[in-house]
Amino acid sequence: MAGERAAIFGQFIEGLSESELGAAEREETYRILLEVLEEFDIKGMEGYLDIDPAFDEVWNEKYPPEIEDFEE
């Protein structure tokens, strides 16, 4: 089931990224959608990064990438 949801979500991102909505409107849509999806297993959703920069922005706000501290 989680895989099916992820596939549907990916199709949604692709469709929204091709729409005439501006980045701010898409970001708000993604924020709301991620709030709803917290009730489900959202593992694997990071596989949909790099489709729409607006989604990447919202995803990275909600789930900041881990920064590795490299010492020389």
N, C-alpha and C. Protein backbone atom coordinates (compact mmCIF):
# COMPACT_ATOMS: atom_id res chain seq x y z
N MET A 1 0.82 -1.21 0.00
CA MET A 1 0.00 0.00 0.00
C MET A 1 0.85 1.26 0.00
N ALA A 2 1.91 1.30 0.82
CA ALA A 2 2.74 2.50 0.89
C ALA A 2 3.35 2.80 -0.48
N GLY A 3 3.75 1.77 -1.21
CA GLY A 3 4.32 1.96 -2.54
C GLY A 3 3.31 2.56 -3.51
N GLU A 4 2.06 2.10 -3.40
CA GLU A 4 1.01 2.64 -4.27
C GLU A 4 0.76 4.11 -3.96
N ARG A 5 0.75 4.44 -2.68
CA ARG A 5 0.56 5.85 -2.29
C ARG A 5 1.71 6.70 -2.81
N ALA A 6 2.92 6.16 -2.69
CA ALA A 6 4.09 6.91 -3.16
C ALA A 6 4.01 7.15 -4.66
N ALA A 7 3.56 6.16 -5.41
CA ALA A 7 3.43 6.31 -6.86
C ALA A 7 2.40 7.38 -7.21
N ILE A 8 1.29 7.37 -6.50
CA ILE A 8 0.25 8.38 -6.73
C ILE A 8 0.78 9.76 -6.38
N PHE A 9 1.52 9.85 -5.29
CA PHE A 9 2.10 11.12 -4.88
C PHE A 9 3.08 11.63 -5.93
N GLY A 10 3.88 10.74 -6.48
CA GLY A 10 4.82 11.12 -7.53
C GLY A 10 4.11 11.67 -8.75
N GLN A 11 3.02 11.04 -9.13
CA GLN A 11 2.24 11.51 -10.27
C GLN A 11 1.65 12.89 -9.97
N PHE A 12 1.22 13.08 -8.74
CA PHE A 12 0.67 14.37 -8.33
C PHE A 12 1.73 15.47 -8.44
N ILE A 13 2.95 15.18 -7.96
CA ILE A 13 4.03 16.17 -8.03
C ILE A 13 4.33 16.51 -9.49
N GLU A 14 4.43 15.50 -10.32
CA GLU A 14 4.72 15.74 -11.74
C GLU A 14 3.64 16.61 -12.37
N GLY A 15 2.38 16.30 -12.09
CA GLY A 15 1.28 17.07 -12.65
C GLY A 15 1.27 18.50 -12.15
N LEU A 16 1.50 18.68 -10.86
CA LEU A 16 1.49 20.02 -10.29
C LEU A 16 2.67 20.84 -10.80
N SER A 17 3.82 20.19 -10.98
CA SER A 17 5.00 20.92 -11.46
C SER A 17 4.79 21.43 -12.89
N GLU A 18 3.93 20.75 -13.64
CA GLU A 18 3.65 21.16 -15.02
C GLU A 18 2.47 22.12 -15.12
N SER A 19 1.84 22.40 -13.99
CA SER A 19 0.67 23.29 -13.99
C SER A 19 1.12 24.74 -14.11
N GLU A 20 0.14 25.62 -14.20
CA GLU A 20 0.44 27.04 -14.32
C GLU A 20 0.53 27.72 -12.96
N LEU A 21 0.45 26.95 -11.87
CA LEU A 21 0.57 27.53 -10.54
C LEU A 21 1.99 28.02 -10.31
N GLY A 22 2.11 29.09 -9.56
CA GLY A 22 3.43 29.61 -9.22
C GLY A 22 4.08 28.77 -8.13
N ALA A 23 5.36 28.99 -7.89
CA ALA A 23 6.10 28.22 -6.90
C ALA A 23 5.49 28.37 -5.50
N ALA A 24 5.08 29.57 -5.12
CA ALA A 24 4.52 29.79 -3.79
C ALA A 24 3.23 28.98 -3.60
N GLU A 25 2.39 28.94 -4.62
CA GLU A 25 1.14 28.18 -4.53
C GLU A 25 1.41 26.68 -4.46
N ARG A 26 2.40 26.22 -5.24
CA ARG A 26 2.75 24.80 -5.19
C ARG A 26 3.34 24.44 -3.84
N GLU A 27 4.20 25.32 -3.29
CA GLU A 27 4.78 25.05 -1.98
C GLU A 27 3.69 24.92 -0.92
N GLU A 28 2.71 25.80 -0.94
CA GLU A 28 1.61 25.73 0.04
C GLU A 28 0.83 24.43 -0.13
N THR A 29 0.58 24.03 -1.36
CA THR A 29 -0.10 22.76 -1.62
C THR A 29 0.69 21.60 -1.05
N TYR A 30 2.00 21.60 -1.26
CA TYR A 30 2.85 20.51 -0.75
C TYR A 30 2.89 20.50 0.78
N ARG A 31 2.91 21.69 1.40
CA ARG A 31 2.90 21.75 2.87
C ARG A 31 1.65 21.06 3.43
N ILE A 32 0.51 21.41 2.86
CA ILE A 32 -0.75 20.82 3.31
C ILE A 32 -0.74 19.31 3.07
N LEU A 33 -0.29 18.91 1.91
CA LEU A 33 -0.27 17.49 1.57
C LEU A 33 0.65 16.71 2.51
N LEU A 34 1.83 17.25 2.83
CA LEU A 34 2.73 16.55 3.73
C LEU A 34 2.15 16.43 5.14
N GLU A 35 1.39 17.46 5.57
CA GLU A 35 0.72 17.36 6.87
C GLU A 35 -0.25 16.20 6.89
N VAL A 36 -1.01 16.05 5.83
CA VAL A 36 -1.98 14.95 5.73
C VAL A 36 -1.24 13.61 5.67
N LEU A 37 -0.16 13.56 4.91
CA LEU A 37 0.57 12.31 4.73
C LEU A 37 1.31 11.84 5.98
N GLU A 38 1.47 12.72 6.97
CA GLU A 38 2.12 12.30 8.21
C GLU A 38 1.35 11.18 8.88
N GLU A 39 0.08 11.07 8.57
CA GLU A 39 -0.74 9.99 9.12
C GLU A 39 -0.41 8.65 8.48
N PHE A 40 0.30 8.68 7.37
CA PHE A 40 0.65 7.47 6.63
C PHE A 40 2.16 7.28 6.65
N ASP A 41 2.59 6.19 6.12
CA ASP A 41 4.01 5.91 6.00
C ASP A 41 4.55 6.65 4.80
N ILE A 42 5.37 7.66 5.04
CA ILE A 42 5.86 8.47 3.92
C ILE A 42 7.29 8.11 3.53
N LYS A 43 7.78 6.98 4.01
CA LYS A 43 9.12 6.56 3.63
C LYS A 43 9.17 6.37 2.12
N GLY A 44 10.26 6.79 1.54
CA GLY A 44 10.42 6.65 0.10
C GLY A 44 9.98 7.88 -0.67
N MET A 45 9.33 8.82 -0.01
CA MET A 45 8.88 10.02 -0.71
C MET A 45 10.05 10.87 -1.18
N GLU A 46 11.20 10.77 -0.49
CA GLU A 46 12.35 11.56 -0.93
C GLU A 46 12.81 11.14 -2.33
N GLY A 47 12.34 10.01 -2.79
CA GLY A 47 12.62 9.59 -4.16
C GLY A 47 11.99 10.51 -5.19
N TYR A 48 11.10 11.38 -4.76
CA TYR A 48 10.44 12.31 -5.67
C TYR A 48 11.04 13.70 -5.64
N LEU A 49 12.19 13.83 -4.99
CA LEU A 49 12.90 15.11 -5.05
C LEU A 49 13.43 15.30 -6.46
N ASP A 50 13.70 16.50 -6.81
CA ASP A 50 14.25 16.88 -8.11
C ASP A 50 13.22 16.83 -9.24
N ILE A 51 11.94 16.67 -8.92
CA ILE A 51 10.89 16.77 -9.95
C ILE A 51 10.43 18.22 -10.02
N ASP A 52 10.18 18.79 -8.84
CA ASP A 52 9.68 20.16 -8.76
C ASP A 52 10.45 20.87 -7.64
N PRO A 53 11.16 21.95 -7.94
CA PRO A 53 11.90 22.67 -6.91
C PRO A 53 11.02 23.12 -5.74
N ALA A 54 9.75 23.40 -6.00
CA ALA A 54 8.83 23.81 -4.93
C ALA A 54 8.64 22.68 -3.93
N PHE A 55 8.53 21.43 -4.41
CA PHE A 55 8.41 20.29 -3.51
C PHE A 55 9.71 20.10 -2.73
N ASP A 56 10.84 20.22 -3.41
CA ASP A 56 12.14 20.08 -2.74
C ASP A 56 12.25 21.07 -1.58
N GLU A 57 11.82 22.30 -1.81
CA GLU A 57 11.89 23.34 -0.78
C GLU A 57 11.06 22.96 0.44
N VAL A 58 9.84 22.53 0.22
CA VAL A 58 8.95 22.16 1.32
C VAL A 58 9.47 20.92 2.03
N TRP A 59 9.92 19.92 1.28
CA TRP A 59 10.44 18.68 1.87
C TRP A 59 11.64 18.99 2.77
N ASN A 60 12.56 19.81 2.27
CA ASN A 60 13.77 20.12 3.03
C ASN A 60 13.48 20.98 4.25
N GLU A 61 12.42 21.78 4.21
CA GLU A 61 11.99 22.53 5.40
C GLU A 61 11.49 21.57 6.46
N LYS A 62 10.65 20.62 6.04
CA LYS A 62 10.02 19.69 6.97
C LYS A 62 10.98 18.60 7.43
N TYR A 63 11.81 18.13 6.53
CA TYR A 63 12.76 17.06 6.82
C TYR A 63 14.15 17.51 6.39
N PRO A 64 14.79 18.38 7.20
CA PRO A 64 16.10 18.91 6.79
C PRO A 64 17.11 17.78 6.57
N PRO A 65 17.89 17.92 5.51
CA PRO A 65 18.90 16.89 5.26
C PRO A 65 19.94 16.93 6.37
N GLU A 66 20.44 15.75 6.72
CA GLU A 66 21.46 15.69 7.76
C GLU A 66 22.75 16.25 7.19
N ILE A 67 23.37 17.10 7.97
CA ILE A 67 24.64 17.69 7.56
C ILE A 67 25.75 16.95 8.29
N GLU A 68 26.64 16.40 7.51
CA GLU A 68 27.75 15.68 8.10
C GLU A 68 28.89 16.66 8.32
N ASP A 69 29.46 16.60 9.50
CA ASP A 69 30.56 17.48 9.85
C ASP A 69 31.86 16.79 9.50
N PHE A 70 32.53 17.27 8.49
CA PHE A 70 33.79 16.66 8.07
C PHE A 70 34.95 17.42 8.70
N GLU A 71 35.81 16.68 9.34
CA GLU A 71 37.01 17.28 9.91
C GLU A 71 38.19 16.90 9.06
N GLU A 72 39.06 17.87 8.82
CA GLU A 72 40.24 17.58 8.00
C GLU A 72 41.42 17.29 8.88
